[in-house]
Amino acid sequence: MTYPVIEPREDDGSATPGRFLSVVFPALLFVLGFALFAISFNVGDWGAWTFAGGIVAVSLAFAIPTTIVPALENRA
């Protein structure tokens, strides 16, 4: 069987700190982003800032496991 682009990893890596960084932390950021979106309509003058914070949190939730962690793994 051939693998076109991505080859499977030989190590499991489920107990590494990178696993926490690439799974749990983005999940928390994703939930935080939606919480900030929800409260941004009820905080008055701070609504724009909390909405922007929600955008940043959701963006980081997708950026960490897709771009940042793989770039750090390739440096080693």
N, C-alpha and C. Protein backbone atom coordinates (compact mmCIF):
# COMPACT_ATOMS: atom_id res chain seq x y z
N MET A 1 0.84 -1.17 0.00
CA MET A 1 0.00 0.00 0.00
C MET A 1 0.89 1.24 0.00
N THR A 2 0.60 2.17 -0.83
CA THR A 2 1.40 3.39 -0.89
C THR A 2 0.66 4.53 -0.20
N TYR A 3 1.43 5.41 0.37
CA TYR A 3 0.88 6.58 1.03
C TYR A 3 1.25 7.81 0.20
N PRO A 4 0.28 8.53 -0.31
CA PRO A 4 0.57 9.58 -1.28
C PRO A 4 1.37 10.76 -0.73
N VAL A 5 0.96 11.34 0.38
CA VAL A 5 1.61 12.55 0.85
C VAL A 5 2.12 12.39 2.27
N ILE A 6 1.29 11.93 3.14
CA ILE A 6 1.62 11.85 4.56
C ILE A 6 1.93 10.41 4.92
N GLU A 7 3.09 10.19 5.47
CA GLU A 7 3.46 8.85 5.91
C GLU A 7 3.05 8.67 7.37
N PRO A 8 2.61 7.50 7.75
CA PRO A 8 2.21 7.29 9.15
C PRO A 8 3.42 7.35 10.07
N ARG A 9 3.20 7.85 11.27
CA ARG A 9 4.28 7.92 12.25
C ARG A 9 4.51 6.56 12.88
N GLU A 10 5.76 6.28 13.18
CA GLU A 10 6.07 5.01 13.83
C GLU A 10 5.89 5.08 15.33
N ASP A 11 6.11 6.27 15.92
CA ASP A 11 5.92 6.39 17.36
C ASP A 11 4.48 6.78 17.67
N ASP A 12 4.03 6.38 18.85
CA ASP A 12 2.65 6.66 19.25
C ASP A 12 2.51 8.13 19.62
N GLY A 13 3.31 8.62 20.53
CA GLY A 13 3.30 10.03 20.89
C GLY A 13 2.08 10.49 21.65
N SER A 14 1.31 9.57 22.22
CA SER A 14 0.09 9.99 22.92
C SER A 14 0.38 10.51 24.32
N ALA A 15 1.55 10.26 24.86
CA ALA A 15 1.86 10.71 26.22
C ALA A 15 2.86 11.85 26.23
N THR A 16 2.95 12.59 25.16
CA THR A 16 3.93 13.66 25.08
C THR A 16 3.28 15.00 25.39
N PRO A 17 4.07 15.98 25.83
CA PRO A 17 3.51 17.32 26.06
C PRO A 17 2.98 17.95 24.78
N GLY A 18 3.52 17.58 23.64
CA GLY A 18 3.01 18.10 22.38
C GLY A 18 1.59 17.65 22.10
N ARG A 19 1.24 16.48 22.59
CA ARG A 19 -0.13 15.98 22.44
C ARG A 19 -1.11 16.88 23.20
N PHE A 20 -0.72 17.27 24.41
CA PHE A 20 -1.56 18.18 25.19
C PHE A 20 -1.68 19.52 24.48
N LEU A 21 -0.56 20.00 23.98
CA LEU A 21 -0.54 21.30 23.32
C LEU A 21 -1.37 21.29 22.05
N SER A 22 -1.41 20.18 21.36
CA SER A 22 -2.11 20.15 20.08
C SER A 22 -3.54 19.64 20.16
N VAL A 23 -4.01 19.20 21.33
CA VAL A 23 -5.38 18.70 21.45
C VAL A 23 -6.16 19.47 22.51
N VAL A 24 -5.69 19.48 23.73
CA VAL A 24 -6.46 20.04 24.83
C VAL A 24 -6.47 21.56 24.80
N PHE A 25 -5.32 22.17 24.62
CA PHE A 25 -5.24 23.62 24.61
C PHE A 25 -6.07 24.25 23.49
N PRO A 26 -6.01 23.74 22.25
CA PRO A 26 -6.90 24.29 21.22
C PRO A 26 -8.38 24.07 21.51
N ALA A 27 -8.72 22.95 22.12
CA ALA A 27 -10.12 22.73 22.48
C ALA A 27 -10.59 23.76 23.49
N LEU A 28 -9.75 24.06 24.47
CA LEU A 28 -10.10 25.09 25.44
C LEU A 28 -10.22 26.46 24.78
N LEU A 29 -9.32 26.76 23.87
CA LEU A 29 -9.39 28.04 23.15
C LEU A 29 -10.65 28.12 22.29
N PHE A 30 -11.06 27.02 21.70
CA PHE A 30 -12.26 26.99 20.87
C PHE A 30 -13.50 27.29 21.72
N VAL A 31 -13.58 26.65 22.87
CA VAL A 31 -14.71 26.88 23.78
C VAL A 31 -14.68 28.32 24.31
N LEU A 32 -13.50 28.81 24.65
CA LEU A 32 -13.35 30.19 25.12
C LEU A 32 -13.79 31.18 24.04
N GLY A 33 -13.45 30.89 22.78
CA GLY A 33 -13.85 31.77 21.69
C GLY A 33 -15.36 31.86 21.56
N PHE A 34 -16.05 30.72 21.65
CA PHE A 34 -17.50 30.76 21.57
C PHE A 34 -18.12 31.43 22.79
N ALA A 35 -17.50 31.28 23.94
CA ALA A 35 -17.99 31.98 25.14
C ALA A 35 -17.84 33.49 24.97
N LEU A 36 -16.72 33.91 24.40
CA LEU A 36 -16.54 35.34 24.15
C LEU A 36 -17.51 35.85 23.12
N PHE A 37 -17.81 35.06 22.09
CA PHE A 37 -18.82 35.46 21.12
C PHE A 37 -20.18 35.62 21.80
N ALA A 38 -20.50 34.73 22.70
CA ALA A 38 -21.81 34.76 23.35
C ALA A 38 -21.96 35.98 24.26
N ILE A 39 -20.91 36.32 25.00
CA ILE A 39 -21.04 37.45 25.91
C ILE A 39 -20.80 38.79 25.24
N SER A 40 -20.28 38.79 24.02
CA SER A 40 -19.95 40.07 23.38
C SER A 40 -21.18 40.91 23.08
N PHE A 41 -22.35 40.30 23.02
CA PHE A 41 -23.57 41.05 22.74
C PHE A 41 -24.21 41.61 24.00
N ASN A 42 -23.66 41.29 25.15
CA ASN A 42 -24.28 41.72 26.41
C ASN A 42 -23.37 42.56 27.30
N VAL A 43 -22.22 42.97 26.83
CA VAL A 43 -21.28 43.68 27.70
C VAL A 43 -21.20 45.17 27.41
N GLY A 44 -22.00 45.67 26.53
CA GLY A 44 -22.04 47.12 26.29
C GLY A 44 -20.85 47.61 25.48
N ASP A 45 -20.08 48.50 26.09
CA ASP A 45 -18.97 49.14 25.37
C ASP A 45 -17.84 48.17 25.04
N TRP A 46 -17.71 47.09 25.78
CA TRP A 46 -16.64 46.13 25.56
C TRP A 46 -17.02 45.07 24.53
N GLY A 47 -18.16 45.19 23.90
CA GLY A 47 -18.64 44.18 22.96
C GLY A 47 -17.71 43.94 21.80
N ALA A 48 -17.17 45.01 21.23
CA ALA A 48 -16.27 44.86 20.09
C ALA A 48 -14.98 44.16 20.49
N TRP A 49 -14.48 44.47 21.69
CA TRP A 49 -13.23 43.84 22.15
C TRP A 49 -13.43 42.37 22.47
N THR A 50 -14.55 42.03 23.08
CA THR A 50 -14.78 40.62 23.38
C THR A 50 -15.04 39.82 22.10
N PHE A 51 -15.69 40.44 21.12
CA PHE A 51 -15.89 39.76 19.84
C PHE A 51 -14.55 39.54 19.14
N ALA A 52 -13.68 40.54 19.17
CA ALA A 52 -12.34 40.39 18.59
C ALA A 52 -11.54 39.33 19.34
N GLY A 53 -11.70 39.27 20.65
CA GLY A 53 -11.04 38.22 21.43
C GLY A 53 -11.53 36.84 21.06
N GLY A 54 -12.82 36.73 20.76
CA GLY A 54 -13.37 35.46 20.30
C GLY A 54 -12.79 35.04 18.97
N ILE A 55 -12.63 36.00 18.07
CA ILE A 55 -12.03 35.70 16.77
C ILE A 55 -10.59 35.24 16.94
N VAL A 56 -9.84 35.91 17.80
CA VAL A 56 -8.44 35.52 18.04
C VAL A 56 -8.37 34.13 18.68
N ALA A 57 -9.25 33.85 19.64
CA ALA A 57 -9.22 32.55 20.32
C ALA A 57 -9.54 31.41 19.36
N VAL A 58 -10.56 31.59 18.52
CA VAL A 58 -10.91 30.53 17.56
C VAL A 58 -9.81 30.40 16.50
N SER A 59 -9.22 31.51 16.08
CA SER A 59 -8.13 31.44 15.11
C SER A 59 -6.93 30.68 15.67
N LEU A 60 -6.58 30.95 16.91
CA LEU A 60 -5.48 30.22 17.54
C LEU A 60 -5.82 28.75 17.75
N ALA A 61 -7.10 28.47 18.01
CA ALA A 61 -7.51 27.07 18.20
C ALA A 61 -7.27 26.26 16.93
N PHE A 62 -7.40 26.89 15.77
CA PHE A 62 -7.13 26.17 14.53
C PHE A 62 -5.66 26.29 14.11
N ALA A 63 -4.99 27.37 14.47
CA ALA A 63 -3.61 27.56 14.05
C ALA A 63 -2.62 26.70 14.83
N ILE A 64 -2.89 26.46 16.09
CA ILE A 64 -1.93 25.70 16.91
C ILE A 64 -1.72 24.29 16.39
N PRO A 65 -2.77 23.47 16.19
CA PRO A 65 -2.50 22.10 15.74
C PRO A 65 -2.16 21.99 14.26
N THR A 66 -2.51 22.98 13.45
CA THR A 66 -2.28 22.84 12.01
C THR A 66 -0.98 23.47 11.54
N THR A 67 -0.50 24.52 12.20
CA THR A 67 0.71 25.18 11.71
C THR A 67 1.81 25.30 12.75
N ILE A 68 1.46 25.67 13.97
CA ILE A 68 2.49 25.98 14.96
C ILE A 68 3.18 24.71 15.47
N VAL A 69 2.42 23.71 15.91
CA VAL A 69 3.01 22.49 16.45
C VAL A 69 3.83 21.73 15.39
N PRO A 70 3.31 21.54 14.15
CA PRO A 70 4.15 20.88 13.14
C PRO A 70 5.44 21.64 12.83
N ALA A 71 5.39 22.95 12.86
CA ALA A 71 6.62 23.73 12.62
C ALA A 71 7.62 23.52 13.75
N LEU A 72 7.14 23.43 14.98
CA LEU A 72 8.05 23.19 16.10
C LEU A 72 8.60 21.77 16.09
N GLU A 73 7.81 20.81 15.63
CA GLU A 73 8.28 19.42 15.56
C GLU A 73 9.35 19.26 14.49
N ASN A 74 9.26 20.01 13.41
CA ASN A 74 10.24 19.89 12.33
C ASN A 74 11.55 20.57 12.65
N ARG A 75 11.58 21.44 13.64
CA ARG A 75 12.83 22.11 14.02
C ARG A 75 13.77 21.17 14.72
N ALA A 76 13.24 20.18 15.42
CA ALA A 76 14.09 19.27 16.21
C ALA A 76 14.79 18.25 15.36
